[in-house]
């Protein structure tokens, strides 16, 4: 080449494109962010498969159980108090099994004009296990005034204890109680329609049914 300036030698500078530092920085940041997301996702998967949320679940379950037990306990306590209150409010309800015939004393009284009826009935009741008290004619309040089969008369607490037991020995009997009466003896006052006691097998079945019903009632209340 002509002119004032000449290039000599076999080496010459190579021209390079200027480096873009902005793109490099962005790439680095993007890589870091991607690695962070991958790591976070991995931790979440580990928590899911290893039960990482078990503590929270267990805590919630314990709280639910405590609430349930507390509710049941308070409900049971309230129910127990209510049952006790009901039992106290109904003193006439039998709390025990009915007494056995040997525990009951029966006064057999005849309110009819037929002679010997009271003694005959008393002897039969004695054979069936009852204790016999007075045997004779009925007092003036009942003499010739009982038109039905018979009247069972006793203290107020005998209405659901002794009277039903004696009532199993004959049909069509009327039960009466007197709050002012004292003593455990029961009067069996024979009326115009009385002929005889029920057959012993039938009376035994009726007594067994009465005892079973009372016993089942108690079991229901307790299992309650």
C-alpha atoms as a PDB file:
ATOM      1  CA  UNK A   1       0.000   0.000   0.000  1.00  0.00           C
ATOM      2  CA  UNK A   2       1.193   3.380  -0.758  1.00  0.00           C
ATOM      3  CA  UNK A   3       0.919   6.435   1.317  1.00  0.00           C
ATOM      4  CA  UNK A   4       2.565   7.658   4.444  1.00  0.00           C
ATOM      5  CA  UNK A   5       1.541   4.701   6.727  1.00  0.00           C
ATOM      6  CA  UNK A   6       2.476   1.135   6.073  1.00  0.00           C
ATOM      7  CA  UNK A   7       1.736  -2.063   7.977  1.00  0.00           C
ATOM      8  CA  UNK A   8       4.770  -4.164   8.484  1.00  0.00           C
ATOM      9  CA  UNK A   9       5.182  -7.576  10.071  1.00  0.00           C
ATOM     10  CA  UNK A  10       3.132 -10.735   9.987  1.00  0.00           C
ATOM     11  CA  UNK A  11       1.068 -10.068  13.230  1.00  0.00           C
ATOM     12  CA  UNK A  12      -2.015  -7.947  13.505  1.00  0.00           C
ATOM     13  CA  UNK A  13      -4.516  -7.337  16.273  1.00  0.00           C
ATOM     14  CA  UNK A  14      -7.688  -9.465  16.252  1.00  0.00           C
ATOM     15  CA  UNK A  15     -10.932  -7.627  16.696  1.00  0.00           C
ATOM     16  CA  UNK A  16     -13.348  -9.115  19.358  1.00  0.00           C
ATOM     17  CA  UNK A  17     -16.986  -8.295  20.131  1.00  0.00           C
ATOM     18  CA  UNK A  18     -17.455  -6.435  23.393  1.00  0.00           C
ATOM     19  CA  UNK A  19     -18.655  -8.678  26.249  1.00  0.00           C
ATOM     20  CA  UNK A  20     -22.234  -8.157  27.448  1.00  0.00           C
ATOM     21  CA  UNK A  21     -22.008  -8.345  31.228  1.00  0.00           C
ATOM     22  CA  UNK A  22     -25.773  -7.793  31.693  1.00  0.00           C
ATOM     23  CA  UNK A  23     -26.685 -11.071  30.055  1.00  0.00           C
ATOM     24  CA  UNK A  24     -24.154 -12.934  32.152  1.00  0.00           C
ATOM     25  CA  UNK A  25     -25.501 -11.556  35.412  1.00  0.00           C
ATOM     26  CA  UNK A  26     -29.087 -12.384  34.420  1.00  0.00           C
ATOM     27  CA  UNK A  27     -28.131 -15.943  33.553  1.00  0.00           C
ATOM     28  CA  UNK A  28     -26.429 -16.411  36.908  1.00  0.00           C
ATOM     29  CA  UNK A  29     -29.447 -15.097  38.830  1.00  0.00           C
ATOM     30  CA  UNK A  30     -31.842 -17.265  36.856  1.00  0.00           C
ATOM     31  CA  UNK A  31     -29.730 -20.329  37.605  1.00  0.00           C
ATOM     32  CA  UNK A  32     -29.698 -19.552  41.327  1.00  0.00           C
ATOM     33  CA  UNK A  33     -33.466 -19.038  41.355  1.00  0.00           C
ATOM     34  CA  UNK A  34     -34.069 -22.312  39.516  1.00  0.00           C
ATOM     35  CA  UNK A  35     -31.858 -24.215  41.967  1.00  0.00           C
ATOM     36  CA  UNK A  36     -33.725 -22.635  44.892  1.00  0.00           C
ATOM     37  CA  UNK A  37     -37.136 -23.590  43.483  1.00  0.00           C
ATOM     38  CA  UNK A  38     -35.990 -27.140  42.859  1.00  0.00           C
ATOM     39  CA  UNK A  39     -34.683 -27.400  46.433  1.00  0.00           C
ATOM     40  CA  UNK A  40     -37.915 -26.010  47.927  1.00  0.00           C
ATOM     41  CA  UNK A  41     -40.019 -28.394  45.879  1.00  0.00           C
ATOM     42  CA  UNK A  42     -37.862 -31.314  46.987  1.00  0.00           C
ATOM     43  CA  UNK A  43     -38.363 -30.385  50.661  1.00  0.00           C
ATOM     44  CA  UNK A  44     -42.122 -30.227  50.166  1.00  0.00           C
ATOM     45  CA  UNK A  45     -42.170 -33.674  48.584  1.00  0.00           C
ATOM     46  CA  UNK A  46     -40.092 -35.054  51.463  1.00  0.00           C
ATOM     47  CA  UNK A  47     -42.538 -33.585  53.983  1.00  0.00           C
ATOM     48  CA  UNK A  48     -45.485 -35.115  52.159  1.00  0.00           C
ATOM     49  CA  UNK A  49     -44.033 -38.615  51.950  1.00  0.00           C
ATOM     50  CA  UNK A  50     -42.434 -38.668  55.408  1.00  0.00           C
ATOM     51  CA  UNK A  51     -45.464 -37.225  57.261  1.00  0.00           C
ATOM     52  CA  UNK A  52     -43.993 -33.893  58.125  1.00  0.00           C
ATOM     53  CA  UNK A  53     -47.475 -32.616  58.942  1.00  0.00           C
ATOM     54  CA  UNK A  54     -47.993 -35.400  61.475  1.00  0.00           C
ATOM     55  CA  UNK A  55     -47.400 -33.153  64.456  1.00  0.00           C
ATOM     56  CA  UNK A  56     -50.120 -30.753  63.464  1.00  0.00           C
ATOM     57  CA  UNK A  57     -52.477 -33.613  62.645  1.00  0.00           C
ATOM     58  CA  UNK A  58     -51.740 -35.372  65.932  1.00  0.00           C
ATOM     59  CA  UNK A  59     -52.237 -32.159  67.852  1.00  0.00           C
ATOM     60  CA  UNK A  60     -55.574 -31.621  66.152  1.00  0.00           C
ATOM     61  CA  UNK A  61     -56.616 -35.206  66.824  1.00  0.00           C
ATOM     62  CA  UNK A  62     -55.694 -34.883  70.510  1.00  0.00           C
ATOM     63  CA  UNK A  63     -57.695 -31.705  70.753  1.00  0.00           C
ATOM     64  CA  UNK A  64     -60.695 -33.395  69.129  1.00  0.00           C
ATOM     65  CA  UNK A  65     -60.385 -36.398  71.442  1.00  0.00           C
ATOM     66  CA  UNK A  66     -60.138 -34.149  74.472  1.00  0.00           C
ATOM     67  CA  UNK A  67     -63.197 -32.237  73.358  1.00  0.00           C
ATOM     68  CA  UNK A  68     -65.113 -35.454  72.722  1.00  0.00           C
ATOM     69  CA  UNK A  69     -64.147 -36.971  76.069  1.00  0.00           C
ATOM     70  CA  UNK A  70     -64.946 -33.767  77.839  1.00  0.00           C
ATOM     71  CA  UNK A  71     -68.309 -33.615  76.126  1.00  0.00           C
ATOM     72  CA  UNK A  72     -69.073 -37.220  76.943  1.00  0.00           C
ATOM     73  CA  UNK A  73     -67.964 -36.856  80.537  1.00  0.00           C
ATOM     74  CA  UNK A  74     -70.032 -33.751  81.087  1.00  0.00           C
ATOM     75  CA  UNK A  75     -72.959 -35.350  79.272  1.00  0.00           C
ATOM     76  CA  UNK A  76     -72.672 -38.493  81.376  1.00  0.00           C
ATOM     77  CA  UNK A  77     -72.457 -36.420  84.541  1.00  0.00           C
ATOM     78  CA  UNK A  78     -75.526 -34.448  83.553  1.00  0.00           C
ATOM     79  CA  UNK A  79     -77.339 -37.643  82.597  1.00  0.00           C
ATOM     80  CA  UNK A  80     -76.388 -39.255  85.922  1.00  0.00           C
ATOM     81  CA  UNK A  81     -77.650 -36.241  87.842  1.00  0.00           C
ATOM     82  CA  UNK A  82     -80.859 -36.246  85.830  1.00  0.00           C
ATOM     83  CA  UNK A  83     -81.398 -39.967  86.459  1.00  0.00           C
ATOM     84  CA  UNK A  84     -80.778 -39.481  90.174  1.00  0.00           C
ATOM     85  CA  UNK A  85     -83.202 -36.592  90.246  1.00  0.00           C
ATOM     86  CA  UNK A  86     -85.834 -38.665  88.450  1.00  0.00           C
ATOM     87  CA  UNK A  87     -85.354 -41.569  90.843  1.00  0.00           C
ATOM     88  CA  UNK A  88     -85.665 -39.226  93.810  1.00  0.00           C
ATOM     89  CA  UNK A  89     -88.727 -37.575  92.332  1.00  0.00           C
ATOM     90  CA  UNK A  90     -90.616 -40.872  92.038  1.00  0.00           C
ATOM     91  CA  UNK A  91     -90.487 -42.565  95.472  1.00  0.00           C
ATOM     92  CA  UNK A  92     -93.265 -44.957  94.490  1.00  0.00           C
ATOM     93  CA  UNK A  93     -91.028 -46.701  91.936  1.00  0.00           C
ATOM     94  CA  UNK A  94     -89.604 -49.985  93.156  1.00  0.00           C
ATOM     95  CA  UNK A  95     -85.824 -49.749  93.491  1.00  0.00           C
ATOM     96  CA  UNK A  96     -85.370 -53.457  94.402  1.00  0.00           C
ATOM     97  CA  UNK A  97     -86.781 -56.814  93.425  1.00  0.00           C
ATOM     98  CA  UNK A  98     -90.195 -57.622  94.928  1.00  0.00           C
ATOM     99  CA  UNK A  99     -90.141 -59.413  98.297  1.00  0.00           C
ATOM    100  CA  UNK A 100     -90.431 -63.156  98.526  1.00  0.00           C
ATOM    101  CA  UNK A 101     -93.669 -64.691  99.897  1.00  0.00           C
ATOM    102  CA  UNK A 102     -91.870 -65.683 103.119  1.00  0.00           C
ATOM    103  CA  UNK A 103     -91.171 -62.002 103.760  1.00  0.00           C
ATOM    104  CA  UNK A 104     -94.831 -60.973 103.565  1.00  0.00           C
ATOM    105  CA  UNK A 105     -97.326 -61.278 106.411  1.00  0.00           C
ATOM    106  CA  UNK A 106    -100.934 -61.569 105.234  1.00  0.00           C
ATOM    107  CA  UNK A 107    -104.043 -60.984 107.343  1.00  0.00           C
ATOM    108  CA  UNK A 108    -106.851 -62.968 105.702  1.00  0.00           C
ATOM    109  CA  UNK A 109    -110.259 -61.411 106.434  1.00  0.00           C
ATOM    110  CA  UNK A 110    -113.659 -62.572 105.271  1.00  0.00           C
ATOM    111  CA  UNK A 111    -116.145 -59.879 104.192  1.00  0.00           C
ATOM    112  CA  UNK A 112    -118.718 -62.395 102.957  1.00  0.00           C
ATOM    113  CA  UNK A 113    -121.469 -64.312 104.838  1.00  0.00           C
ATOM    114  CA  UNK A 114    -119.782 -67.633 103.944  1.00  0.00           C
ATOM    115  CA  UNK A 115    -118.180 -69.251 106.951  1.00  0.00           C
ATOM    116  CA  UNK A 116    -114.668 -70.743 106.968  1.00  0.00           C
ATOM    117  CA  UNK A 117    -113.580 -68.895 103.824  1.00  0.00           C
ATOM    118  CA  UNK A 118    -110.802 -66.940 105.504  1.00  0.00           C
ATOM    119  CA  UNK A 119    -109.233 -70.002 107.194  1.00  0.00           C
ATOM    120  CA  UNK A 120    -109.337 -72.069 104.036  1.00  0.00           C
ATOM    121  CA  UNK A 121    -107.647 -69.309 102.037  1.00  0.00           C
ATOM    122  CA  UNK A 122    -105.073 -68.662 104.768  1.00  0.00           C
ATOM    123  CA  UNK A 123    -104.086 -72.338 104.860  1.00  0.00           C
ATOM    124  CA  UNK A 124    -103.510 -72.348 101.105  1.00  0.00           C
ATOM    125  CA  UNK A 125    -101.435 -69.168 101.223  1.00  0.00           C
ATOM    126  CA  UNK A 126     -99.334 -70.680 103.974  1.00  0.00           C
ATOM    127  CA  UNK A 127     -98.626 -73.698 101.766  1.00  0.00           C
ATOM    128  CA  UNK A 128     -97.432 -71.299  99.085  1.00  0.00           C
ATOM    129  CA  UNK A 129     -94.877 -69.765 101.415  1.00  0.00           C
ATOM    130  CA  UNK A 130     -96.652 -66.696 102.809  1.00  0.00           C
ATOM    131  CA  UNK A 131     -96.627 -65.803 106.480  1.00  0.00           C
ATOM    132  CA  UNK A 132    -100.109 -65.668 107.967  1.00  0.00           C
ATOM    133  CA  UNK A 133    -101.173 -63.064 110.509  1.00  0.00           C
ATOM    134  CA  UNK A 134    -104.753 -62.533 111.619  1.00  0.00           C
ATOM    135  CA  UNK A 135    -107.515 -64.753 110.244  1.00  0.00           C
ATOM    136  CA  UNK A 136    -111.167 -63.833 110.751  1.00  0.00           C
ATOM    137  CA  UNK A 137    -113.983 -61.538 109.746  1.00  0.00           C
ATOM    138  CA  UNK A 138    -113.429 -58.197 108.023  1.00  0.00           C
ATOM    139  CA  UNK A 139    -113.912 -54.948 110.000  1.00  0.00           C
ATOM    140  CA  UNK A 140    -117.165 -53.016 109.741  1.00  0.00           C
ATOM    141  CA  UNK A 141    -115.804 -50.723 107.041  1.00  0.00           C
ATOM    142  CA  UNK A 142    -115.532 -53.746 104.692  1.00  0.00           C
ATOM    143  CA  UNK A 143    -117.933 -56.350 106.099  1.00  0.00           C
ATOM    144  CA  UNK A 144    -120.565 -57.233 103.465  1.00  0.00           C
ATOM    145  CA  UNK A 145    -119.340 -54.264 101.398  1.00  0.00           C
ATOM    146  CA  UNK A 146    -116.795 -55.868  99.062  1.00  0.00           C
ATOM    147  CA  UNK A 147    -118.718 -56.746  95.922  1.00  0.00           C
ATOM    148  CA  UNK A 148    -115.693 -57.798  93.888  1.00  0.00           C
ATOM    149  CA  UNK A 149    -113.260 -60.672  94.261  1.00  0.00           C
ATOM    150  CA  UNK A 150    -111.066 -59.209  96.989  1.00  0.00           C
ATOM    151  CA  UNK A 151    -109.316 -56.092  98.270  1.00  0.00           C
ATOM    152  CA  UNK A 152    -105.635 -55.920  99.141  1.00  0.00           C
ATOM    153  CA  UNK A 153    -105.024 -53.214 101.723  1.00  0.00           C
ATOM    154  CA  UNK A 154    -101.671 -52.065 103.079  1.00  0.00           C
ATOM    155  CA  UNK A 155     -99.356 -49.172 103.846  1.00  0.00           C
ATOM    156  CA  UNK A 156     -98.354 -46.797 101.059  1.00  0.00           C
ATOM    157  CA  UNK A 157     -94.954 -48.403 100.532  1.00  0.00           C
ATOM    158  CA  UNK A 158     -96.610 -51.802  99.973  1.00  0.00           C
ATOM    159  CA  UNK A 159     -98.385 -50.640  96.819  1.00  0.00           C
ATOM    160  CA  UNK A 160     -95.370 -51.494  94.663  1.00  0.00           C
ATOM    161  CA  UNK A 161     -93.849 -54.228  96.815  1.00  0.00           C
ATOM    162  CA  UNK A 162     -96.006 -56.643  98.834  1.00  0.00           C
ATOM    163  CA  UNK A 163     -99.388 -56.065  97.204  1.00  0.00           C
ATOM    164  CA  UNK A 164     -98.339 -57.085  93.669  1.00  0.00           C
ATOM    165  CA  UNK A 165     -96.788 -60.290  95.045  1.00  0.00           C
ATOM    166  CA  UNK A 166    -100.004 -61.336  96.775  1.00  0.00           C
ATOM    167  CA  UNK A 167    -101.907 -60.191  93.696  1.00  0.00           C
ATOM    168  CA  UNK A 168    -100.241 -62.974  91.677  1.00  0.00           C
ATOM    169  CA  UNK A 169    -102.157 -65.533  93.764  1.00  0.00           C
ATOM    170  CA  UNK A 170    -105.629 -64.496  92.582  1.00  0.00           C
ATOM    171  CA  UNK A 171    -107.224 -62.566  89.740  1.00  0.00           C
ATOM    172  CA  UNK A 172    -109.491 -59.559  89.860  1.00  0.00           C
ATOM    173  CA  UNK A 173    -108.121 -58.254  93.132  1.00  0.00           C
ATOM    174  CA  UNK A 174    -108.281 -54.532  93.973  1.00  0.00           C
ATOM    175  CA  UNK A 175    -105.287 -52.808  95.575  1.00  0.00           C
ATOM    176  CA  UNK A 176    -105.592 -49.998  98.082  1.00  0.00           C
ATOM    177  CA  UNK A 177    -103.048 -48.172 100.196  1.00  0.00           C
ATOM    178  CA  UNK A 178    -103.278 -45.899 103.214  1.00  0.00           C
ATOM    179  CA  UNK A 179    -100.554 -43.329 103.956  1.00  0.00           C
ATOM    180  CA  UNK A 180    -101.513 -43.264 107.618  1.00  0.00           C
ATOM    181  CA  UNK A 181    -101.168 -47.014 108.032  1.00  0.00           C
ATOM    182  CA  UNK A 182     -98.012 -48.416 109.653  1.00  0.00           C
ATOM    183  CA  UNK A 183     -96.587 -51.902 109.718  1.00  0.00           C
ATOM    184  CA  UNK A 184     -95.614 -54.335 106.983  1.00  0.00           C
ATOM    185  CA  UNK A 185     -98.616 -56.681 107.265  1.00  0.00           C
ATOM    186  CA  UNK A 186    -101.107 -56.671 104.387  1.00  0.00           C
ATOM    187  CA  UNK A 187    -104.844 -57.325 104.592  1.00  0.00           C
ATOM    188  CA  UNK A 188    -106.472 -59.650 102.096  1.00  0.00           C
ATOM    189  CA  UNK A 189    -110.202 -58.954 102.374  1.00  0.00           C
ATOM    190  CA  UNK A 190    -112.266 -61.564 100.526  1.00  0.00           C
ATOM    191  CA  UNK A 191    -115.314 -60.288  98.662  1.00  0.00           C
ATOM    192  CA  UNK A 192    -118.573 -61.688  97.311  1.00  0.00           C
ATOM    193  CA  UNK A 193    -117.081 -62.884  94.005  1.00  0.00           C
ATOM    194  CA  UNK A 194    -114.187 -64.746  95.562  1.00  0.00           C
ATOM    195  CA  UNK A 195    -114.227 -68.500  95.049  1.00  0.00           C
ATOM    196  CA  UNK A 196    -110.618 -69.657  95.443  1.00  0.00           C
ATOM    197  CA  UNK A 197    -107.033 -68.684  94.826  1.00  0.00           C
ATOM    198  CA  UNK A 198    -105.533 -69.081  91.368  1.00  0.00           C
ATOM    199  CA  UNK A 199    -104.048 -72.465  90.474  1.00  0.00           C
ATOM    200  CA  UNK A 200    -100.569 -72.739  91.976  1.00  0.00           C
ATOM    201  CA  UNK A 201     -98.765 -73.290  88.613  1.00  0.00           C
ATOM    202  CA  UNK A 202    -100.412 -70.163  87.193  1.00  0.00           C
ATOM    203  CA  UNK A 203     -99.627 -68.206  90.362  1.00  0.00           C
ATOM    204  CA  UNK A 204     -95.980 -69.332  90.244  1.00  0.00           C
ATOM    205  CA  UNK A 205     -95.676 -68.199  86.623  1.00  0.00           C
ATOM    206  CA  UNK A 206     -97.192 -64.812  87.446  1.00  0.00           C
ATOM    207  CA  UNK A 207     -94.810 -64.389  90.400  1.00  0.00           C
ATOM    208  CA  UNK A 208     -91.792 -65.350  88.259  1.00  0.00           C
ATOM    209  CA  UNK A 209     -92.858 -62.860  85.573  1.00  0.00           C
ATOM    210  CA  UNK A 210     -93.224 -60.125  88.193  1.00  0.00           C
ATOM    211  CA  UNK A 211     -89.727 -60.809  89.553  1.00  0.00           C
ATOM    212  CA  UNK A 212     -88.187 -60.965  86.074  1.00  0.00           C
ATOM    213  CA  UNK A 213     -89.810 -57.686  85.065  1.00  0.00           C
ATOM    214  CA  UNK A 214     -88.508 -55.930  88.191  1.00  0.00           C
ATOM    215  CA  UNK A 215     -85.004 -57.384  87.769  1.00  0.00           C
ATOM    216  CA  UNK A 216     -84.884 -56.398  84.083  1.00  0.00           C
ATOM    217  CA  UNK A 217     -85.954 -52.891  85.013  1.00  0.00           C
ATOM    218  CA  UNK A 218     -83.029 -52.576  87.406  1.00  0.00           C
ATOM    219  CA  UNK A 219     -80.526 -53.872  84.842  1.00  0.00           C
ATOM    220  CA  UNK A 220     -81.788 -51.362  82.296  1.00  0.00           C
ATOM    221  CA  UNK A 221     -81.325 -48.503  84.742  1.00  0.00           C
ATOM    222  CA  UNK A 222     -77.816 -49.637  85.719  1.00  0.00           C
ATOM    223  CA  UNK A 223     -76.669 -50.370  82.166  1.00  0.00           C
ATOM    224  CA  UNK A 224     -77.704 -47.973  81.514  1.00  0.00           C
END
